[in-house]
Amino acid sequence: MYYESFGDGRPIVFLPGWGGANGEGQDVHEPLFESRPGWRRIYVDPPGTGKTPAVPSIVDQDGMLEAILELVDELVGSERFALAGTSAGGLHARGIVKRDPSRVLGLLLRVPGIIVDRSKRTLPTDEHLINSPAYQEAWQDKQRRYYDPAEAQADLEFLGRIQGDVATYSLREDPAVRFEGPTLIVTGRQDTMTGYADAWPILDDYPRATYAVLDQEGHDLPVQRMALYRALVSDWLDRVEHPDA
């Protein structure tokens, strides 16, 4: 499985959204570490995405999670590590925490997918999203730089077979588990893909969670609120580094 790693210190594993490659996560998060040493950042391309080929034996989300877990075990060994998951990567991250919460230093969920069945999600409209020229330019730039190339690289047939059925796109075991490490959940007020409301009920599982809903952001968050998003992540990293402070 392809990954890119930078720096030394505490491992932090970044998991992208479904079909996404590691480049967007790198560009969003790497500036945070320019003045924050002591972290080994690992950005992953899951099977069938980016530079990682599809694995025919993987037929469901549990198989995807097992492949990711094998890579994490290979890279970090017995070290404790932090996790950051975007969208479906948030489901994978919660699945990893479920296996052994004691291994995880902290958890970041960005626009997490909580309810797999889209027909059962609580979704807002985007009627209050201000589609200004600045927003459109920023969104189109992100599409051009990250999402279009990721789609071109992805094995869409492989991914589509898993995503096409709620039974295979879900984890067999509910990923809910009590996790007492520093946590950050960031959602978009105009996110019409995974929404923001469905992430609120999981807060009881994370007694040390900060929960944020960013106005003027959708599922591609952050588009315009980059400084705010990075401030929230910086605070989370502070809390992971000093969990007893």
C-alpha atoms as a PDB file:
ATOM      1  CA  MET A   1       0.000   0.000   0.000  1.00  0.00           C
ATOM      2  CA  TYR A   2       1.376   3.396  -0.986  1.00  0.00           C
ATOM      3  CA  TYR A   3       1.979   6.058   1.637  1.00  0.00           C
ATOM      4  CA  GLU A   4       4.115   9.127   2.139  1.00  0.00           C
ATOM      5  CA  SER A   5       5.833   9.894   5.422  1.00  0.00           C
ATOM      6  CA  PHE A   6       7.433  13.087   6.707  1.00  0.00           C
ATOM      7  CA  GLY A   7       9.277  13.944   9.895  1.00  0.00           C
ATOM      8  CA  ASP A   8      10.066  11.978  13.029  1.00  0.00           C
ATOM      9  CA  GLY A   9       8.401  11.490  16.378  1.00  0.00           C
ATOM     10  CA  ARG A  10       4.856  10.560  17.364  1.00  0.00           C
ATOM     11  CA  PRO A  11       3.146   8.852  14.420  1.00  0.00           C
ATOM     12  CA  ILE A  12      -0.019  10.407  13.036  1.00  0.00           C
ATOM     13  CA  VAL A  13      -1.861   8.552  10.283  1.00  0.00           C
ATOM     14  CA  PHE A  14      -4.043  10.482   7.806  1.00  0.00           C
ATOM     15  CA  LEU A  15      -6.813   8.545   6.032  1.00  0.00           C
ATOM     16  CA  PRO A  16      -8.541  10.176   3.031  1.00  0.00           C
ATOM     17  CA  GLY A  17     -12.150  10.089   1.943  1.00  0.00           C
ATOM     18  CA  TRP A  18     -13.544   7.355  -0.286  1.00  0.00           C
ATOM     19  CA  GLY A  19     -11.600   7.271  -3.542  1.00  0.00           C
ATOM     20  CA  GLY A  20      -9.334  10.088  -2.374  1.00  0.00           C
ATOM     21  CA  ALA A  21      -5.555  10.075  -2.523  1.00  0.00           C
ATOM     22  CA  ASN A  22      -3.173  11.506   0.049  1.00  0.00           C
ATOM     23  CA  GLY A  23      -2.294  14.820  -1.641  1.00  0.00           C
ATOM     24  CA  GLU A  24      -5.169  16.946  -0.332  1.00  0.00           C
ATOM     25  CA  GLY A  25      -4.572  15.862   3.247  1.00  0.00           C
ATOM     26  CA  GLN A  26      -0.895  16.686   2.920  1.00  0.00           C
ATOM     27  CA  ASP A  27      -1.443  20.183   1.622  1.00  0.00           C
ATOM     28  CA  VAL A  28      -4.099  20.975   4.227  1.00  0.00           C
ATOM     29  CA  HIS A  29      -2.146  19.681   7.226  1.00  0.00           C
ATOM     30  CA  GLU A  30       1.589  19.911   6.502  1.00  0.00           C
ATOM     31  CA  PRO A  31       1.842  23.676   7.175  1.00  0.00           C
ATOM     32  CA  LEU A  32       0.804  22.938  10.758  1.00  0.00           C
ATOM     33  CA  PHE A  33       3.987  20.979  11.313  1.00  0.00           C
ATOM     34  CA  GLU A  34       6.453  23.540   9.958  1.00  0.00           C
ATOM     35  CA  SER A  35       6.830  24.957  13.468  1.00  0.00           C
ATOM     36  CA  ARG A  36       5.747  21.827  15.350  1.00  0.00           C
ATOM     37  CA  PRO A  37       8.499  19.191  15.486  1.00  0.00           C
ATOM     38  CA  GLY A  38       8.139  15.767  16.998  1.00  0.00           C
ATOM     39  CA  TRP A  39       5.549  14.278  14.637  1.00  0.00           C
ATOM     40  CA  ARG A  40       5.894  11.613  11.962  1.00  0.00           C
ATOM     41  CA  ARG A  41       3.104  12.288   9.472  1.00  0.00           C
ATOM     42  CA  ILE A  42       1.899   9.313   7.427  1.00  0.00           C
ATOM     43  CA  TYR A  43      -0.486   9.960   4.524  1.00  0.00           C
ATOM     44  CA  VAL A  44      -2.108   6.815   3.129  1.00  0.00           C
ATOM     45  CA  ASP A  45      -3.562   5.810  -0.231  1.00  0.00           C
ATOM     46  CA  PRO A  46      -6.025   2.995   0.657  1.00  0.00           C
ATOM     47  CA  PRO A  47      -6.503   0.093  -1.788  1.00  0.00           C
ATOM     48  CA  GLY A  48      -7.873   1.171  -5.147  1.00  0.00           C
ATOM     49  CA  THR A  49      -6.928   4.835  -4.645  1.00  0.00           C
ATOM     50  CA  GLY A  50      -3.979   6.988  -5.598  1.00  0.00           C
ATOM     51  CA  LYS A  51      -0.891   4.854  -6.183  1.00  0.00           C
ATOM     52  CA  THR A  52      -2.251   1.805  -4.352  1.00  0.00           C
ATOM     53  CA  PRO A  53      -3.758  -0.835  -6.642  1.00  0.00           C
ATOM     54  CA  ALA A  54      -7.056  -2.525  -5.933  1.00  0.00           C
ATOM     55  CA  VAL A  55      -6.965  -5.815  -4.049  1.00  0.00           C
ATOM     56  CA  PRO A  56      -9.505  -8.240  -5.574  1.00  0.00           C
ATOM     57  CA  SER A  57      -9.849 -10.166  -2.301  1.00  0.00           C
ATOM     58  CA  ILE A  58     -11.203  -7.028  -0.586  1.00  0.00           C
ATOM     59  CA  VAL A  59     -14.956  -7.107  -1.081  1.00  0.00           C
ATOM     60  CA  ASP A  60     -16.218  -4.921   1.742  1.00  0.00           C
ATOM     61  CA  GLN A  61     -15.361  -2.170   4.189  1.00  0.00           C
ATOM     62  CA  ASP A  62     -14.000  -4.650   6.732  1.00  0.00           C
ATOM     63  CA  GLY A  63     -11.480  -5.852   4.174  1.00  0.00           C
ATOM     64  CA  MET A  64     -10.469  -2.262   3.530  1.00  0.00           C
ATOM     65  CA  LEU A  65     -10.067  -1.662   7.261  1.00  0.00           C
ATOM     66  CA  GLU A  66      -7.931  -4.797   7.668  1.00  0.00           C
ATOM     67  CA  ALA A  67      -5.603  -3.651   4.888  1.00  0.00           C
ATOM     68  CA  ILE A  68      -5.210  -0.229   6.502  1.00  0.00           C
ATOM     69  CA  LEU A  69      -4.611  -1.803   9.915  1.00  0.00           C
ATOM     70  CA  GLU A  70      -1.905  -4.068   8.482  1.00  0.00           C
ATOM     71  CA  LEU A  71      -0.105  -1.018   7.113  1.00  0.00           C
ATOM     72  CA  VAL A  72      -0.425   0.859  10.407  1.00  0.00           C
ATOM     73  CA  ASP A  73       0.939  -2.128  12.335  1.00  0.00           C
ATOM     74  CA  GLU A  74       3.823  -2.397   9.881  1.00  0.00           C
ATOM     75  CA  LEU A  75       4.714   1.279  10.122  1.00  0.00           C
ATOM     76  CA  VAL A  76       4.232   2.057  13.809  1.00  0.00           C
ATOM     77  CA  GLY A  77       4.701  -1.319  15.467  1.00  0.00           C
ATOM     78  CA  SER A  78       3.954  -1.093  19.177  1.00  0.00           C
ATOM     79  CA  GLU A  79       4.056   2.728  19.239  1.00  0.00           C
ATOM     80  CA  ARG A  80       0.946   4.672  20.126  1.00  0.00           C
ATOM     81  CA  PHE A  81      -0.273   6.905  17.303  1.00  0.00           C
ATOM     82  CA  ALA A  82      -2.786   9.593  16.419  1.00  0.00           C
ATOM     83  CA  LEU A  83      -5.435   9.193  13.728  1.00  0.00           C
ATOM     84  CA  ALA A  84      -7.015  11.669  11.335  1.00  0.00           C
ATOM     85  CA  GLY A  85      -9.810  10.495   9.049  1.00  0.00           C
ATOM     86  CA  THR A  86     -11.755  12.411   6.417  1.00  0.00           C
ATOM     87  CA  SER A  87     -15.280  11.339   5.371  1.00  0.00           C
ATOM     88  CA  ALA A  88     -15.094   7.543   4.851  1.00  0.00           C
ATOM     89  CA  GLY A  89     -11.606   7.777   6.342  1.00  0.00           C
ATOM     90  CA  GLY A  90     -13.387   8.827   9.521  1.00  0.00           C
ATOM     91  CA  LEU A  91     -15.241   5.505   9.490  1.00  0.00           C
ATOM     92  CA  HIS A  92     -11.918   3.696   9.070  1.00  0.00           C
ATOM     93  CA  ALA A  93     -10.368   5.737  11.873  1.00  0.00           C
ATOM     94  CA  ARG A  94     -13.238   4.930  14.229  1.00  0.00           C
ATOM     95  CA  GLY A  95     -12.920   1.267  13.265  1.00  0.00           C
ATOM     96  CA  ILE A  96      -9.238   1.335  14.227  1.00  0.00           C
ATOM     97  CA  VAL A  97     -10.042   2.985  17.560  1.00  0.00           C
ATOM     98  CA  LYS A  98     -12.697   0.333  18.154  1.00  0.00           C
ATOM     99  CA  ARG A  99     -10.078  -2.425  17.884  1.00  0.00           C
ATOM    100  CA  ASP A 100      -7.882  -0.991  20.628  1.00  0.00           C
ATOM    101  CA  PRO A 101      -8.549   2.509  22.011  1.00  0.00           C
ATOM    102  CA  SER A 102      -5.444   2.324  24.207  1.00  0.00           C
ATOM    103  CA  ARG A 103      -3.174   2.445  21.122  1.00  0.00           C
ATOM    104  CA  VAL A 104      -4.534   5.783  19.923  1.00  0.00           C
ATOM    105  CA  LEU A 105      -3.146   9.097  21.187  1.00  0.00           C
ATOM    106  CA  GLY A 106      -5.865  11.267  19.656  1.00  0.00           C
ATOM    107  CA  LEU A 107      -8.575  11.247  17.005  1.00  0.00           C
ATOM    108  CA  LEU A 108      -9.455  13.816  14.339  1.00  0.00           C
ATOM    109  CA  LEU A 109     -12.652  13.333  12.330  1.00  0.00           C
ATOM    110  CA  ARG A 110     -13.137  15.705   9.398  1.00  0.00           C
ATOM    111  CA  VAL A 111     -16.604  15.669   7.773  1.00  0.00           C
ATOM    112  CA  PRO A 112     -16.935  12.087   9.041  1.00  0.00           C
ATOM    113  CA  GLY A 113     -19.263   9.550   7.512  1.00  0.00           C
ATOM    114  CA  ILE A 114     -21.376   8.386  10.459  1.00  0.00           C
ATOM    115  CA  ILE A 115     -24.467   6.867   8.844  1.00  0.00           C
ATOM    116  CA  VAL A 116     -23.569   4.768   5.819  1.00  0.00           C
ATOM    117  CA  ASP A 117     -27.060   4.572   4.320  1.00  0.00           C
ATOM    118  CA  ARG A 118     -27.454   7.952   2.624  1.00  0.00           C
ATOM    119  CA  SER A 119     -31.253   7.698   2.716  1.00  0.00           C
ATOM    120  CA  LYS A 120     -31.083   7.715   6.535  1.00  0.00           C
ATOM    121  CA  ARG A 121     -28.720  10.671   6.948  1.00  0.00           C
ATOM    122  CA  THR A 122     -29.822  14.015   8.340  1.00  0.00           C
ATOM    123  CA  LEU A 123     -28.622  16.367   5.634  1.00  0.00           C
ATOM    124  CA  PRO A 124     -28.847  20.144   5.315  1.00  0.00           C
ATOM    125  CA  THR A 125     -29.397  22.010   2.086  1.00  0.00           C
ATOM    126  CA  ASP A 126     -26.779  24.326   0.645  1.00  0.00           C
ATOM    127  CA  GLU A 127     -29.239  27.165   0.079  1.00  0.00           C
ATOM    128  CA  HIS A 128     -27.307  29.395   2.494  1.00  0.00           C
ATOM    129  CA  LEU A 129     -23.910  28.653   0.976  1.00  0.00           C
ATOM    130  CA  ILE A 130     -22.723  31.897  -0.571  1.00  0.00           C
ATOM    131  CA  ASN A 131     -21.401  30.904  -3.964  1.00  0.00           C
ATOM    132  CA  SER A 132     -19.273  33.988  -4.348  1.00  0.00           C
ATOM    133  CA  PRO A 133     -16.612  34.226  -7.073  1.00  0.00           C
ATOM    134  CA  ALA A 134     -13.961  33.728  -4.360  1.00  0.00           C
ATOM    135  CA  TYR A 135     -15.649  30.564  -3.110  1.00  0.00           C
ATOM    136  CA  GLN A 136     -16.098  29.186  -6.622  1.00  0.00           C
ATOM    137  CA  GLU A 137     -12.473  29.889  -7.466  1.00  0.00           C
ATOM    138  CA  ALA A 138     -11.236  28.171  -4.295  1.00  0.00           C
ATOM    139  CA  TRP A 139     -13.549  25.179  -4.801  1.00  0.00           C
ATOM    140  CA  GLN A 140     -12.620  24.761  -8.462  1.00  0.00           C
ATOM    141  CA  ASP A 141      -8.933  24.977  -7.587  1.00  0.00           C
ATOM    142  CA  LYS A 142      -9.368  22.201  -5.037  1.00  0.00           C
ATOM    143  CA  GLN A 143     -11.315  20.117  -7.532  1.00  0.00           C
ATOM    144  CA  ARG A 144      -8.644  20.565 -10.181  1.00  0.00           C
ATOM    145  CA  ARG A 145      -5.671  19.930  -7.898  1.00  0.00           C
ATOM    146  CA  TYR A 146      -6.971  17.005  -5.836  1.00  0.00           C
ATOM    147  CA  TYR A 147     -10.333  15.477  -6.622  1.00  0.00           C
ATOM    148  CA  ASP A 148     -10.114  15.203 -10.405  1.00  0.00           C
ATOM    149  CA  PRO A 149      -6.649  13.567 -10.308  1.00  0.00           C
ATOM    150  CA  ALA A 150      -7.750  11.241  -7.496  1.00  0.00           C
ATOM    151  CA  GLU A 151     -10.767  10.131  -9.511  1.00  0.00           C
ATOM    152  CA  ALA A 152      -8.574   9.554 -12.566  1.00  0.00           C
ATOM    153  CA  GLN A 153      -6.208   7.375 -10.526  1.00  0.00           C
ATOM    154  CA  ALA A 154      -8.831   5.434  -8.549  1.00  0.00           C
ATOM    155  CA  ASP A 155     -10.096   2.001  -9.491  1.00  0.00           C
ATOM    156  CA  LEU A 156     -13.716   3.086  -9.679  1.00  0.00           C
ATOM    157  CA  GLU A 157     -15.040  -0.382 -10.499  1.00  0.00           C
ATOM    158  CA  PHE A 158     -13.400  -1.875  -7.406  1.00  0.00           C
ATOM    159  CA  LEU A 159     -14.527   0.964  -5.156  1.00  0.00           C
ATOM    160  CA  GLY A 160     -18.008   1.047  -6.684  1.00  0.00           C
ATOM    161  CA  ARG A 161     -18.647  -2.628  -5.903  1.00  0.00           C
ATOM    162  CA  ILE A 162     -18.040  -1.922  -2.215  1.00  0.00           C
ATOM    163  CA  GLN A 163     -19.853   1.409  -2.107  1.00  0.00           C
ATOM    164  CA  GLY A 164     -22.829   0.196  -4.127  1.00  0.00           C
ATOM    165  CA  ASP A 165     -24.321  -1.869  -1.314  1.00  0.00           C
ATOM    166  CA  VAL A 166     -24.914  -0.586   2.219  1.00  0.00           C
ATOM    167  CA  ALA A 167     -24.065  -4.064   3.528  1.00  0.00           C
ATOM    168  CA  THR A 168     -20.560  -3.991   2.038  1.00  0.00           C
ATOM    169  CA  TYR A 169     -19.967  -0.252   2.528  1.00  0.00           C
ATOM    170  CA  SER A 170     -20.694  -0.565   6.263  1.00  0.00           C
ATOM    171  CA  LEU A 171     -18.441  -2.129   8.857  1.00  0.00           C
ATOM    172  CA  ARG A 172     -19.925  -5.349  10.175  1.00  0.00           C
ATOM    173  CA  GLU A 173     -19.366  -4.139  13.743  1.00  0.00           C
ATOM    174  CA  ASP A 174     -20.589  -0.736  14.913  1.00  0.00           C
ATOM    175  CA  PRO A 175     -17.431   1.383  15.375  1.00  0.00           C
ATOM    176  CA  ALA A 176     -18.867   3.114  18.434  1.00  0.00           C
ATOM    177  CA  VAL A 177     -16.576   2.793  21.448  1.00  0.00           C
ATOM    178  CA  ARG A 178     -15.664   5.045  24.355  1.00  0.00           C
ATOM    179  CA  PHE A 179     -12.417   6.865  23.624  1.00  0.00           C
ATOM    180  CA  GLU A 180     -11.040   9.209  26.251  1.00  0.00           C
ATOM    181  CA  GLY A 181      -8.170  10.699  24.257  1.00  0.00           C
ATOM    182  CA  PRO A 182      -8.223  14.227  22.795  1.00  0.00           C
ATOM    183  CA  THR A 183     -10.658  14.311  19.890  1.00  0.00           C
ATOM    184  CA  LEU A 184     -11.695  16.849  17.271  1.00  0.00           C
ATOM    185  CA  ILE A 185     -14.796  16.563  15.079  1.00  0.00           C
ATOM    186  CA  VAL A 186     -15.105  19.169  12.323  1.00  0.00           C
ATOM    187  CA  THR A 187     -18.203  19.320  10.121  1.00  0.00           C
ATOM    188  CA  GLY A 188     -19.585  21.671   7.472  1.00  0.00           C
ATOM    189  CA  ARG A 189     -22.843  23.558   8.008  1.00  0.00           C
ATOM    190  CA  GLN A 190     -23.637  23.233   4.291  1.00  0.00           C
ATOM    191  CA  ASP A 191     -22.296  19.672   3.889  1.00  0.00           C
ATOM    192  CA  THR A 192     -24.938  17.935   1.785  1.00  0.00           C
ATOM    193  CA  MET A 193     -22.958  14.664   1.642  1.00  0.00           C
ATOM    194  CA  THR A 194     -22.480  13.583   5.275  1.00  0.00           C
ATOM    195  CA  GLY A 195     -24.034  16.581   7.018  1.00  0.00           C
ATOM    196  CA  TYR A 196     -23.221  17.760  10.509  1.00  0.00           C
ATOM    197  CA  ALA A 197     -26.129  16.598  12.678  1.00  0.00           C
ATOM    198  CA  ASP A 198     -25.350  12.880  12.572  1.00  0.00           C
ATOM    199  CA  ALA A 199     -21.939  13.457  14.163  1.00  0.00           C
ATOM    200  CA  TRP A 200     -23.443  15.130  17.227  1.00  0.00           C
ATOM    201  CA  PRO A 201     -24.880  11.936  18.816  1.00  0.00           C
ATOM    202  CA  ILE A 202     -21.462  10.222  18.873  1.00  0.00           C
ATOM    203  CA  LEU A 203     -20.087  12.871  21.263  1.00  0.00           C
ATOM    204  CA  ASP A 204     -20.927  10.711  24.267  1.00  0.00           C
ATOM    205  CA  ASP A 205     -18.281   8.261  23.019  1.00  0.00           C
ATOM    206  CA  TYR A 206     -15.646  11.006  23.113  1.00  0.00           C
ATOM    207  CA  PRO A 207     -15.671  12.836  26.461  1.00  0.00           C
ATOM    208  CA  ARG A 208     -12.662  14.945  25.406  1.00  0.00           C
ATOM    209  CA  ALA A 209     -14.017  16.005  22.036  1.00  0.00           C
ATOM    210  CA  THR A 210     -14.231  19.457  20.510  1.00  0.00           C
ATOM    211  CA  TYR A 211     -17.109  19.580  18.022  1.00  0.00           C
ATOM    212  CA  ALA A 212     -17.203  22.324  15.378  1.00  0.00           C
ATOM    213  CA  VAL A 213     -19.662  23.169  12.617  1.00  0.00           C
ATOM    214  CA  LEU A 214     -18.124  25.590  10.130  1.00  0.00           C
ATOM    215  CA  ASP A 215     -20.457  27.936   8.285  1.00  0.00           C
ATOM    216  CA  GLN A 216     -19.829  28.407   4.555  1.00  0.00           C
ATOM    217  CA  GLU A 217     -18.183  24.993   4.261  1.00  0.00           C
ATOM    218  CA  GLY A 218     -19.442  21.830   2.615  1.00  0.00           C
ATOM    219  CA  HIS A 219     -18.060  18.312   2.312  1.00  0.00           C
ATOM    220  CA  ASP A 220     -14.843  19.604   0.721  1.00  0.00           C
ATOM    221  CA  LEU A 221     -13.983  21.447   3.948  1.00  0.00           C
ATOM    222  CA  PRO A 222     -11.849  23.480   4.250  1.00  0.00           C
ATOM    223  CA  VAL A 223     -12.359  25.541   1.105  1.00  0.00           C
ATOM    224  CA  GLN A 224     -12.410  29.109   2.433  1.00  0.00           C
ATOM    225  CA  ARG A 225     -12.081  28.586   6.211  1.00  0.00           C
ATOM    226  CA  MET A 226      -8.549  27.177   6.062  1.00  0.00           C
ATOM    227  CA  ALA A 227      -7.187  29.355   8.882  1.00  0.00           C
ATOM    228  CA  LEU A 228     -10.078  28.409  11.184  1.00  0.00           C
ATOM    229  CA  TYR A 229      -9.733  24.715  10.386  1.00  0.00           C
ATOM    230  CA  ARG A 230      -5.992  24.769  11.006  1.00  0.00           C
ATOM    231  CA  ALA A 231      -6.500  26.636  14.285  1.00  0.00           C
ATOM    232  CA  LEU A 232      -8.826  23.864  15.459  1.00  0.00           C
ATOM    233  CA  VAL A 233      -6.363  21.166  14.406  1.00  0.00           C
ATOM    234  CA  SER A 234      -3.505  23.038  16.083  1.00  0.00           C
ATOM    235  CA  ASP A 235      -5.486  23.115  19.323  1.00  0.00           C
ATOM    236  CA  TRP A 236      -6.148  19.381  18.976  1.00  0.00           C
ATOM    237  CA  LEU A 237      -2.433  18.695  18.456  1.00  0.00           C
ATOM    238  CA  ASP A 238      -1.674  20.750  21.579  1.00  0.00           C
ATOM    239  CA  ARG A 239      -4.101  18.587  23.531  1.00  0.00           C
ATOM    240  CA  VAL A 240      -2.591  15.376  22.158  1.00  0.00           C
ATOM    241  CA  GLU A 241       0.914  16.553  23.060  1.00  0.00           C
ATOM    242  CA  HIS A 242      -0.176  17.593  26.556  1.00  0.00           C
ATOM    243  CA  PRO A 243      -3.141  15.319  27.387  1.00  0.00           C
ATOM    244  CA  ASP A 244      -3.068  16.158  31.090  1.00  0.00           C
ATOM    245  CA  ALA A 245      -2.878  19.930  30.671  1.00  0.00           C
END
